[in-house]
Amino acid sequence: MNGWPTEPISGTAAGVPFTALPPARPPEGAAQGTAPLVVTWHMIDAPCTDAAFAAALPMAGVPAWRVHLGMPLCGRRMLDSGMNAILERARRDTVLAYLEPMVRQAVEEFPAALAALRERLPVDDGPISVVGGSLGGAVALSVLTRCEIPVAAAALVNPAIRARSVVGLVEGVTGRPYEWSEEAAEAADRLDFVARAEEIADRVPRPPLLVVSGELDFPALRADAAALVGALRERYTDPERVRLATVAGLAHPLAEQPGLEPAPQLPVAETVDETITEWFRRHLTAG
């Protein structure tokens, strides 16, 4: 790619839709013509597409490429029934038809997508950084626990940290108790990142991790956010490399419903954006 791009780039990488935002200029100290890479996975709540998430959290002050990947069944991969297809899966079997397969597919398709992005964009070959919102947070955490890809820093926004907490939320909406099977219980264990905190702490390099929790987010998700930060601080040599940031007035979504298209940034999303930007500006070259 000749010259330094100035406009967002939309495309697919190994079949995964993405919206890529270039840094304003190559950062100081970067290899000539390249910049670090930050990868995000969006929410299923608003904003629920890569383009909409890029508008809600552009992180324009981060001296890196910010590449927002599309989650399975969302955006350009949405089925004819739209987001209803995802809601139907969640109601049918919250763990085995919704949480586990969506997170698993996003994680399994990531290495090939990353390789394609490295070929297409002028990014360096150093550790990446990751961001995940809501269910996308479970994807980012799965990358930390399942993938050997070096991660310089991570940030989560109202993340789905424990599958059992998400099951409880769906039970509250449907009014029906979830019928647990052995397979579902094993999948939920894999998606309990408080229990897997040691795996994150054992990574080399050990990534600084920021958890942004909305003051008005679901109480169960707020409790999980505090539990994850507490578990990691027990294991990190420097507890300042793990932070819980509470954002006043923030509920679960970061954008107005339905969140399919890019929209003006809400004030609470701007606060989240500034918090994550400051975190990455401090830790982008960690490790």
C-alpha atoms as a PDB file:
ATOM      1  CA  MET A   1       0.000   0.000   0.000  1.00  0.00           C
ATOM      2  CA  ASN A   2       1.586   3.257  -1.134  1.00  0.00           C
ATOM      3  CA  GLY A   3       1.436   6.296   1.115  1.00  0.00           C
ATOM      4  CA  TRP A   4      -0.303   6.570   4.488  1.00  0.00           C
ATOM      5  CA  PRO A   5      -4.086   5.947   4.316  1.00  0.00           C
ATOM      6  CA  THR A   6      -6.312   8.696   5.659  1.00  0.00           C
ATOM      7  CA  GLU A   7      -9.817   7.246   5.257  1.00  0.00           C
ATOM      8  CA  PRO A   8     -11.518   4.241   6.893  1.00  0.00           C
ATOM      9  CA  ILE A   9     -11.206   0.980   5.009  1.00  0.00           C
ATOM     10  CA  SER A  10     -14.066  -1.518   4.820  1.00  0.00           C
ATOM     11  CA  GLY A  11     -13.634  -5.049   3.586  1.00  0.00           C
ATOM     12  CA  THR A  12     -13.258  -8.677   4.563  1.00  0.00           C
ATOM     13  CA  ALA A  13     -10.243 -10.524   5.924  1.00  0.00           C
ATOM     14  CA  ALA A  14     -10.378 -14.300   5.414  1.00  0.00           C
ATOM     15  CA  GLY A  15     -14.148 -13.942   5.202  1.00  0.00           C
ATOM     16  CA  VAL A  16     -14.495 -11.762   8.324  1.00  0.00           C
ATOM     17  CA  PRO A  17     -15.982  -8.293   7.726  1.00  0.00           C
ATOM     18  CA  PHE A  18     -13.991  -5.384   9.137  1.00  0.00           C
ATOM     19  CA  THR A  19     -13.875  -1.622   9.410  1.00  0.00           C
ATOM     20  CA  ALA A  20     -10.308  -0.322   9.742  1.00  0.00           C
ATOM     21  CA  LEU A  21      -9.452   3.162  11.003  1.00  0.00           C
ATOM     22  CA  PRO A  22      -5.897   4.377  10.281  1.00  0.00           C
ATOM     23  CA  PRO A  23      -3.898   6.372  12.817  1.00  0.00           C
ATOM     24  CA  ALA A  24      -3.630  10.069  12.102  1.00  0.00           C
ATOM     25  CA  ARG A  25       0.068   9.520  11.400  1.00  0.00           C
ATOM     26  CA  PRO A  26       2.651   6.782  11.950  1.00  0.00           C
ATOM     27  CA  PRO A  27       3.615   6.759  15.632  1.00  0.00           C
ATOM     28  CA  GLU A  28       7.108   7.736  16.706  1.00  0.00           C
ATOM     29  CA  GLY A  29       9.447   4.789  16.969  1.00  0.00           C
ATOM     30  CA  ALA A  30       7.357   2.556  14.692  1.00  0.00           C
ATOM     31  CA  ALA A  31       8.905   0.672  11.826  1.00  0.00           C
ATOM     32  CA  GLN A  32       8.918   2.845   8.748  1.00  0.00           C
ATOM     33  CA  GLY A  33       5.449   3.095   7.258  1.00  0.00           C
ATOM     34  CA  THR A  34       3.780   0.844   9.837  1.00  0.00           C
ATOM     35  CA  ALA A  35       1.818   1.195  13.073  1.00  0.00           C
ATOM     36  CA  PRO A  36       0.641  -1.115  15.871  1.00  0.00           C
ATOM     37  CA  LEU A  37      -2.694  -2.911  15.587  1.00  0.00           C
ATOM     38  CA  VAL A  38      -5.718  -2.814  17.880  1.00  0.00           C
ATOM     39  CA  VAL A  39      -8.460  -5.363  17.101  1.00  0.00           C
ATOM     40  CA  THR A  40     -12.013  -5.103  18.452  1.00  0.00           C
ATOM     41  CA  TRP A  41     -15.110  -7.286  18.633  1.00  0.00           C
ATOM     42  CA  HIS A  42     -18.434  -5.501  19.019  1.00  0.00           C
ATOM     43  CA  MET A  43     -21.516  -6.049  21.134  1.00  0.00           C
ATOM     44  CA  ILE A  44     -24.667  -7.924  20.226  1.00  0.00           C
ATOM     45  CA  ASP A  45     -26.517  -5.040  21.874  1.00  0.00           C
ATOM     46  CA  ALA A  46     -26.079  -1.640  20.178  1.00  0.00           C
ATOM     47  CA  PRO A  47     -23.680  -1.069  18.474  1.00  0.00           C
ATOM     48  CA  CYS A  48     -23.940  -4.518  16.919  1.00  0.00           C
ATOM     49  CA  THR A  49     -21.901  -4.215  13.702  1.00  0.00           C
ATOM     50  CA  ASP A  50     -18.247  -3.496  13.039  1.00  0.00           C
ATOM     51  CA  ALA A  51     -19.041  -0.164  11.355  1.00  0.00           C
ATOM     52  CA  ALA A  52     -21.335   0.955  14.180  1.00  0.00           C
ATOM     53  CA  PHE A  53     -18.802  -0.056  16.826  1.00  0.00           C
ATOM     54  CA  ALA A  54     -16.109   1.898  14.969  1.00  0.00           C
ATOM     55  CA  ALA A  55     -18.326   4.986  15.170  1.00  0.00           C
ATOM     56  CA  ALA A  56     -19.064   4.470  18.880  1.00  0.00           C
ATOM     57  CA  LEU A  57     -15.435   3.734  19.847  1.00  0.00           C
ATOM     58  CA  PRO A  58     -13.154   5.221  17.177  1.00  0.00           C
ATOM     59  CA  MET A  59     -10.213   5.618  19.604  1.00  0.00           C
ATOM     60  CA  ALA A  60      -8.876   8.319  17.288  1.00  0.00           C
ATOM     61  CA  GLY A  61      -6.188   9.304  19.771  1.00  0.00           C
ATOM     62  CA  VAL A  62      -4.573   5.854  19.769  1.00  0.00           C
ATOM     63  CA  PRO A  63      -1.467   5.843  17.528  1.00  0.00           C
ATOM     64  CA  ALA A  64      -2.416   2.526  15.931  1.00  0.00           C
ATOM     65  CA  TRP A  65      -4.648   0.943  13.360  1.00  0.00           C
ATOM     66  CA  ARG A  66      -8.011   0.174  14.976  1.00  0.00           C
ATOM     67  CA  VAL A  67      -9.596  -2.723  13.130  1.00  0.00           C
ATOM     68  CA  HIS A  68     -13.159  -3.531  14.150  1.00  0.00           C
ATOM     69  CA  LEU A  69     -14.090  -7.100  13.241  1.00  0.00           C
ATOM     70  CA  GLY A  70     -17.660  -8.230  12.597  1.00  0.00           C
ATOM     71  CA  MET A  71     -19.070 -10.898  14.900  1.00  0.00           C
ATOM     72  CA  PRO A  72     -20.681 -14.013  13.372  1.00  0.00           C
ATOM     73  CA  LEU A  73     -24.281 -13.508  12.159  1.00  0.00           C
ATOM     74  CA  CYS A  74     -23.922  -9.724  12.443  1.00  0.00           C
ATOM     75  CA  GLY A  75     -23.642  -6.898   9.945  1.00  0.00           C
ATOM     76  CA  ARG A  76     -22.637  -8.156   6.519  1.00  0.00           C
ATOM     77  CA  ARG A  77     -23.048 -11.759   7.731  1.00  0.00           C
ATOM     78  CA  MET A  78     -26.553 -11.197   9.066  1.00  0.00           C
ATOM     79  CA  LEU A  79     -29.211 -13.714   8.046  1.00  0.00           C
ATOM     80  CA  ASP A  80     -32.465 -12.653   6.382  1.00  0.00           C
ATOM     81  CA  SER A  81     -34.175 -12.508   9.771  1.00  0.00           C
ATOM     82  CA  GLY A  82     -31.577 -10.020  10.999  1.00  0.00           C
ATOM     83  CA  MET A  83     -30.796  -9.806  14.696  1.00  0.00           C
ATOM     84  CA  ASN A  84     -33.875 -11.944  15.357  1.00  0.00           C
ATOM     85  CA  ALA A  85     -31.796 -14.945  14.267  1.00  0.00           C
ATOM     86  CA  ILE A  86     -29.427 -14.316  17.188  1.00  0.00           C
ATOM     87  CA  LEU A  87     -32.264 -13.685  19.640  1.00  0.00           C
ATOM     88  CA  GLU A  88     -33.922 -16.931  18.583  1.00  0.00           C
ATOM     89  CA  ARG A  89     -30.702 -18.816  19.281  1.00  0.00           C
ATOM     90  CA  ALA A  90     -30.400 -17.215  22.707  1.00  0.00           C
ATOM     91  CA  ARG A  91     -33.961 -18.207  23.596  1.00  0.00           C
ATOM     92  CA  ARG A  92     -33.589 -21.741  22.188  1.00  0.00           C
ATOM     93  CA  ASP A  93     -30.395 -22.596  24.056  1.00  0.00           C
ATOM     94  CA  THR A  94     -28.468 -19.691  25.562  1.00  0.00           C
ATOM     95  CA  VAL A  95     -25.218 -21.593  25.967  1.00  0.00           C
ATOM     96  CA  LEU A  96     -25.068 -24.172  23.172  1.00  0.00           C
ATOM     97  CA  ALA A  97     -26.885 -22.273  20.396  1.00  0.00           C
ATOM     98  CA  TYR A  98     -25.782 -18.716  21.223  1.00  0.00           C
ATOM     99  CA  LEU A  99     -22.840 -18.064  23.557  1.00  0.00           C
ATOM    100  CA  GLU A 100     -20.552 -20.995  22.833  1.00  0.00           C
ATOM    101  CA  PRO A 101     -20.850 -21.192  19.020  1.00  0.00           C
ATOM    102  CA  MET A 102     -20.655 -17.431  18.435  1.00  0.00           C
ATOM    103  CA  VAL A 103     -17.605 -16.978  20.636  1.00  0.00           C
ATOM    104  CA  ARG A 104     -15.956 -20.129  19.291  1.00  0.00           C
ATOM    105  CA  GLN A 105     -16.408 -19.104  15.658  1.00  0.00           C
ATOM    106  CA  ALA A 106     -15.096 -15.600  16.288  1.00  0.00           C
ATOM    107  CA  VAL A 107     -11.989 -16.986  17.993  1.00  0.00           C
ATOM    108  CA  GLU A 108     -11.362 -19.754  15.462  1.00  0.00           C
ATOM    109  CA  GLU A 109     -11.594 -17.409  12.478  1.00  0.00           C
ATOM    110  CA  PHE A 110      -9.367 -14.769  14.077  1.00  0.00           C
ATOM    111  CA  PRO A 111      -5.856 -16.103  13.266  1.00  0.00           C
ATOM    112  CA  ALA A 112      -6.593 -16.279   9.532  1.00  0.00           C
ATOM    113  CA  ALA A 113      -8.264 -12.856   9.637  1.00  0.00           C
ATOM    114  CA  LEU A 114      -5.247 -11.415  11.447  1.00  0.00           C
ATOM    115  CA  ALA A 115      -2.869 -12.855   8.867  1.00  0.00           C
ATOM    116  CA  ALA A 116      -4.962 -11.341   6.070  1.00  0.00           C
ATOM    117  CA  LEU A 117      -5.025  -7.956   7.804  1.00  0.00           C
ATOM    118  CA  ARG A 118      -1.255  -7.996   8.200  1.00  0.00           C
ATOM    119  CA  GLU A 119      -0.910  -8.586   4.465  1.00  0.00           C
ATOM    120  CA  ARG A 120      -3.361  -5.839   3.559  1.00  0.00           C
ATOM    121  CA  LEU A 121      -2.639  -3.055   6.076  1.00  0.00           C
ATOM    122  CA  PRO A 122       0.645  -1.345   7.015  1.00  0.00           C
ATOM    123  CA  VAL A 123       0.717  -2.741  10.546  1.00  0.00           C
ATOM    124  CA  ASP A 124       3.830  -3.834  12.413  1.00  0.00           C
ATOM    125  CA  ASP A 125       4.573  -7.403  13.392  1.00  0.00           C
ATOM    126  CA  GLY A 126       4.608  -6.763  17.127  1.00  0.00           C
ATOM    127  CA  PRO A 127       2.010  -7.764  19.725  1.00  0.00           C
ATOM    128  CA  ILE A 128      -1.534  -6.662  18.977  1.00  0.00           C
ATOM    129  CA  SER A 129      -3.991  -5.121  21.424  1.00  0.00           C
ATOM    130  CA  VAL A 130      -7.616  -6.228  21.798  1.00  0.00           C
ATOM    131  CA  VAL A 131     -10.957  -4.674  22.755  1.00  0.00           C
ATOM    132  CA  GLY A 132     -14.255  -6.450  23.338  1.00  0.00           C
ATOM    133  CA  GLY A 133     -17.719  -5.138  24.163  1.00  0.00           C
ATOM    134  CA  SER A 134     -20.366  -7.350  25.814  1.00  0.00           C
ATOM    135  CA  LEU A 135     -20.220 -10.726  24.003  1.00  0.00           C
ATOM    136  CA  GLY A 136     -17.241  -9.372  22.092  1.00  0.00           C
ATOM    137  CA  GLY A 137     -15.585  -9.154  25.502  1.00  0.00           C
ATOM    138  CA  ALA A 138     -15.896 -12.932  25.805  1.00  0.00           C
ATOM    139  CA  VAL A 139     -14.158 -13.195  22.428  1.00  0.00           C
ATOM    140  CA  ALA A 140     -11.299 -10.937  23.543  1.00  0.00           C
ATOM    141  CA  LEU A 141     -10.946 -12.942  26.766  1.00  0.00           C
ATOM    142  CA  SER A 142     -11.000 -16.186  24.780  1.00  0.00           C
ATOM    143  CA  VAL A 143      -8.155 -14.853  22.630  1.00  0.00           C
ATOM    144  CA  LEU A 144      -6.210 -14.251  25.846  1.00  0.00           C
ATOM    145  CA  THR A 145      -6.875 -17.763  27.150  1.00  0.00           C
ATOM    146  CA  ARG A 146      -6.869 -19.805  23.921  1.00  0.00           C
ATOM    147  CA  CYS A 147      -4.574 -18.104  21.402  1.00  0.00           C
ATOM    148  CA  GLU A 148      -0.792 -17.851  21.437  1.00  0.00           C
ATOM    149  CA  ILE A 149      -0.908 -14.518  19.580  1.00  0.00           C
ATOM    150  CA  PRO A 150       1.072 -11.986  21.689  1.00  0.00           C
ATOM    151  CA  VAL A 151      -1.160  -9.277  23.164  1.00  0.00           C
ATOM    152  CA  ALA A 152       0.285  -5.942  24.314  1.00  0.00           C
ATOM    153  CA  ALA A 153      -2.818  -4.658  26.121  1.00  0.00           C
ATOM    154  CA  ALA A 154      -6.533  -5.355  26.422  1.00  0.00           C
ATOM    155  CA  ALA A 155      -9.699  -3.411  27.212  1.00  0.00           C
ATOM    156  CA  LEU A 156     -13.225  -4.688  27.829  1.00  0.00           C
ATOM    157  CA  VAL A 157     -16.520  -2.766  27.895  1.00  0.00           C
ATOM    158  CA  ASN A 158     -19.462  -4.194  29.852  1.00  0.00           C
ATOM    159  CA  PRO A 159     -18.037  -7.625  29.026  1.00  0.00           C
ATOM    160  CA  ALA A 160     -19.698 -11.037  29.209  1.00  0.00           C
ATOM    161  CA  ILE A 161     -17.184 -12.517  31.645  1.00  0.00           C
ATOM    162  CA  ARG A 162     -19.226 -15.474  32.917  1.00  0.00           C
ATOM    163  CA  ALA A 163     -21.619 -17.426  30.700  1.00  0.00           C
ATOM    164  CA  ARG A 164     -23.777 -18.297  33.689  1.00  0.00           C
ATOM    165  CA  SER A 165     -24.442 -14.606  34.309  1.00  0.00           C
ATOM    166  CA  VAL A 166     -25.644 -14.191  30.710  1.00  0.00           C
ATOM    167  CA  VAL A 167     -27.880 -17.240  31.151  1.00  0.00           C
ATOM    168  CA  GLY A 168     -29.408 -15.556  34.191  1.00  0.00           C
ATOM    169  CA  LEU A 169     -30.133 -12.423  32.177  1.00  0.00           C
ATOM    170  CA  VAL A 170     -31.842 -14.418  29.433  1.00  0.00           C
ATOM    171  CA  GLU A 171     -33.858 -16.333  32.046  1.00  0.00           C
ATOM    172  CA  GLY A 172     -35.075 -12.996  33.376  1.00  0.00           C
ATOM    173  CA  VAL A 173     -36.236 -11.941  29.916  1.00  0.00           C
ATOM    174  CA  THR A 174     -37.889 -15.227  28.906  1.00  0.00           C
ATOM    175  CA  GLY A 175     -39.244 -16.174  32.324  1.00  0.00           C
ATOM    176  CA  ARG A 176     -38.041 -19.747  31.726  1.00  0.00           C
ATOM    177  CA  PRO A 177     -35.271 -21.508  33.646  1.00  0.00           C
ATOM    178  CA  TYR A 178     -32.406 -22.749  31.537  1.00  0.00           C
ATOM    179  CA  GLU A 179     -32.187 -26.538  31.253  1.00  0.00           C
ATOM    180  CA  TRP A 180     -28.571 -27.304  32.030  1.00  0.00           C
ATOM    181  CA  SER A 181     -26.926 -30.309  30.393  1.00  0.00           C
ATOM    182  CA  GLU A 182     -23.443 -31.650  31.025  1.00  0.00           C
ATOM    183  CA  GLU A 183     -22.325 -30.251  27.672  1.00  0.00           C
ATOM    184  CA  ALA A 184     -23.726 -26.812  28.505  1.00  0.00           C
ATOM    185  CA  ALA A 185     -22.095 -26.820  31.928  1.00  0.00           C
ATOM    186  CA  GLU A 186     -18.708 -27.662  30.399  1.00  0.00           C
ATOM    187  CA  ALA A 187     -19.115 -24.887  27.824  1.00  0.00           C
ATOM    188  CA  ALA A 188     -20.086 -22.413  30.545  1.00  0.00           C
ATOM    189  CA  ASP A 189     -16.969 -23.395  32.490  1.00  0.00           C
ATOM    190  CA  ARG A 190     -14.851 -22.548  29.448  1.00  0.00           C
ATOM    191  CA  LEU A 191     -16.595 -19.167  29.308  1.00  0.00           C
ATOM    192  CA  ASP A 192     -15.965 -18.334  32.975  1.00  0.00           C
ATOM    193  CA  PHE A 193     -12.992 -16.011  32.806  1.00  0.00           C
ATOM    194  CA  VAL A 194     -12.863 -15.295  36.521  1.00  0.00           C
ATOM    195  CA  ALA A 195     -12.126 -18.986  37.005  1.00  0.00           C
ATOM    196  CA  ARG A 196      -9.578 -18.759  34.165  1.00  0.00           C
ATOM    197  CA  ALA A 197      -7.852 -15.605  35.425  1.00  0.00           C
ATOM    198  CA  GLU A 198      -4.638 -17.511  36.077  1.00  0.00           C
ATOM    199  CA  GLU A 199      -4.383 -18.372  32.379  1.00  0.00           C
ATOM    200  CA  ILE A 200      -4.464 -14.667  31.539  1.00  0.00           C
ATOM    201  CA  ALA A 201      -1.912 -13.853  34.226  1.00  0.00           C
ATOM    202  CA  ASP A 202       0.372 -16.618  32.921  1.00  0.00           C
ATOM    203  CA  ARG A 203       0.611 -15.103  29.427  1.00  0.00           C
ATOM    204  CA  VAL A 204       3.991 -13.901  28.201  1.00  0.00           C
ATOM    205  CA  PRO A 205       3.920 -10.970  27.855  1.00  0.00           C
ATOM    206  CA  ARG A 206       1.356 -10.429  30.629  1.00  0.00           C
ATOM    207  CA  PRO A 207      -1.129  -7.955  29.113  1.00  0.00           C
ATOM    208  CA  PRO A 208      -2.323  -4.889  31.016  1.00  0.00           C
ATOM    209  CA  LEU A 209      -6.111  -5.197  31.188  1.00  0.00           C
ATOM    210  CA  LEU A 210      -8.760  -2.489  31.565  1.00  0.00           C
ATOM    211  CA  VAL A 211     -12.374  -3.354  32.366  1.00  0.00           C
ATOM    212  CA  VAL A 212     -14.871  -0.558  31.727  1.00  0.00           C
ATOM    213  CA  SER A 213     -18.116  -1.162  33.602  1.00  0.00           C
ATOM    214  CA  GLY A 214     -21.202   0.975  33.140  1.00  0.00           C
ATOM    215  CA  GLU A 215     -22.720   2.300  36.348  1.00  0.00           C
ATOM    216  CA  LEU A 216     -26.124   1.229  35.013  1.00  0.00           C
ATOM    217  CA  ASP A 217     -25.051  -2.063  33.438  1.00  0.00           C
ATOM    218  CA  PHE A 218     -26.686  -5.287  34.604  1.00  0.00           C
ATOM    219  CA  PRO A 219     -25.718  -5.934  38.262  1.00  0.00           C
ATOM    220  CA  ALA A 220     -24.511  -9.460  37.470  1.00  0.00           C
ATOM    221  CA  LEU A 221     -22.142  -8.189  34.784  1.00  0.00           C
ATOM    222  CA  ARG A 222     -20.863  -5.442  37.094  1.00  0.00           C
ATOM    223  CA  ALA A 223     -20.179  -8.035  39.794  1.00  0.00           C
ATOM    224  CA  ASP A 224     -18.311 -10.210  37.291  1.00  0.00           C
ATOM    225  CA  ALA A 225     -16.218  -7.223  36.176  1.00  0.00           C
ATOM    226  CA  ALA A 226     -15.151  -6.546  39.758  1.00  0.00           C
ATOM    227  CA  ALA A 227     -14.453 -10.250  40.342  1.00  0.00           C
ATOM    228  CA  LEU A 228     -12.239 -10.539  37.258  1.00  0.00           C
ATOM    229  CA  VAL A 229     -10.228  -7.462  38.178  1.00  0.00           C
ATOM    230  CA  GLY A 230      -9.845  -8.739  41.738  1.00  0.00           C
ATOM    231  CA  ALA A 231      -8.712 -12.169  40.569  1.00  0.00           C
ATOM    232  CA  LEU A 232      -6.132 -10.695  38.195  1.00  0.00           C
ATOM    233  CA  ARG A 233      -4.802  -8.218  40.740  1.00  0.00           C
ATOM    234  CA  GLU A 234      -4.063 -11.138  43.051  1.00  0.00           C
ATOM    235  CA  ARG A 235      -1.887 -12.640  40.328  1.00  0.00           C
ATOM    236  CA  TYR A 236      -0.275  -9.640  38.640  1.00  0.00           C
ATOM    237  CA  THR A 237       3.052  -8.491  40.099  1.00  0.00           C
ATOM    238  CA  ASP A 238       1.991  -4.890  39.453  1.00  0.00           C
ATOM    239  CA  PRO A 239      -1.737  -4.541  40.280  1.00  0.00           C
ATOM    240  CA  GLU A 240      -1.781  -1.132  38.570  1.00  0.00           C
ATOM    241  CA  ARG A 241      -1.669  -3.022  35.254  1.00  0.00           C
ATOM    242  CA  VAL A 242      -5.240  -4.151  35.927  1.00  0.00           C
ATOM    243  CA  ARG A 243      -7.926  -1.476  36.264  1.00  0.00           C
ATOM    244  CA  LEU A 244     -11.682  -1.335  36.770  1.00  0.00           C
ATOM    245  CA  ALA A 245     -13.173   1.920  35.470  1.00  0.00           C
ATOM    246  CA  THR A 246     -16.806   2.715  36.255  1.00  0.00           C
ATOM    247  CA  VAL A 247     -18.545   5.080  33.828  1.00  0.00           C
ATOM    248  CA  ALA A 248     -21.387   7.107  35.318  1.00  0.00           C
ATOM    249  CA  GLY A 249     -24.667   6.979  33.414  1.00  0.00           C
ATOM    250  CA  LEU A 250     -23.601   4.096  31.154  1.00  0.00           C
ATOM    251  CA  ALA A 251     -26.081   1.241  30.813  1.00  0.00           C
ATOM    252  CA  HIS A 252     -25.228  -1.844  28.748  1.00  0.00           C
ATOM    253  CA  PRO A 253     -25.346  -0.505  25.154  1.00  0.00           C
ATOM    254  CA  LEU A 254     -22.948   2.114  23.810  1.00  0.00           C
ATOM    255  CA  ALA A 255     -25.257   3.442  21.091  1.00  0.00           C
ATOM    256  CA  GLU A 256     -28.923   4.086  20.415  1.00  0.00           C
ATOM    257  CA  GLN A 257     -30.958   1.090  19.267  1.00  0.00           C
ATOM    258  CA  PRO A 258     -30.893  -0.709  16.931  1.00  0.00           C
ATOM    259  CA  GLY A 259     -27.192   0.061  16.529  1.00  0.00           C
ATOM    260  CA  LEU A 260     -26.803  -1.406  13.045  1.00  0.00           C
ATOM    261  CA  GLU A 261     -25.422   1.684  11.319  1.00  0.00           C
ATOM    262  CA  PRO A 262     -22.731   4.192  12.311  1.00  0.00           C
ATOM    263  CA  ALA A 263     -24.230   6.973  14.426  1.00  0.00           C
ATOM    264  CA  PRO A 264     -23.010  10.084  16.251  1.00  0.00           C
ATOM    265  CA  GLN A 265     -21.065   9.170  19.375  1.00  0.00           C
ATOM    266  CA  LEU A 266     -23.127   9.352  22.571  1.00  0.00           C
ATOM    267  CA  PRO A 267     -21.625  11.313  25.506  1.00  0.00           C
ATOM    268  CA  VAL A 268     -21.250   8.129  27.591  1.00  0.00           C
ATOM    269  CA  ALA A 269     -19.553   6.383  24.665  1.00  0.00           C
ATOM    270  CA  GLU A 270     -17.211   9.355  24.366  1.00  0.00           C
ATOM    271  CA  THR A 271     -16.229   8.849  28.008  1.00  0.00           C
ATOM    272  CA  VAL A 272     -15.572   5.147  27.349  1.00  0.00           C
ATOM    273  CA  ASP A 273     -13.587   6.076  24.235  1.00  0.00           C
ATOM    274  CA  GLU A 274     -11.419   8.523  26.190  1.00  0.00           C
ATOM    275  CA  THR A 275     -10.819   5.972  28.962  1.00  0.00           C
ATOM    276  CA  ILE A 276      -9.721   3.231  26.556  1.00  0.00           C
ATOM    277  CA  THR A 277      -7.648   5.673  24.498  1.00  0.00           C
ATOM    278  CA  GLU A 278      -5.733   6.783  27.575  1.00  0.00           C
ATOM    279  CA  TRP A 279      -5.140   3.133  28.534  1.00  0.00           C
ATOM    280  CA  PHE A 280      -3.733   2.188  25.141  1.00  0.00           C
ATOM    281  CA  ARG A 281      -1.630   5.311  24.827  1.00  0.00           C
ATOM    282  CA  ARG A 282       0.043   4.253  28.081  1.00  0.00           C
ATOM    283  CA  HIS A 283       0.338   0.510  27.376  1.00  0.00           C
ATOM    284  CA  LEU A 284       0.443   0.135  23.584  1.00  0.00           C
ATOM    285  CA  THR A 285       4.031  -1.095  23.547  1.00  0.00           C
ATOM    286  CA  ALA A 286       3.752  -3.194  26.724  1.00  0.00           C
ATOM    287  CA  GLY A 287       5.831  -6.337  26.568  1.00  0.00           C
END
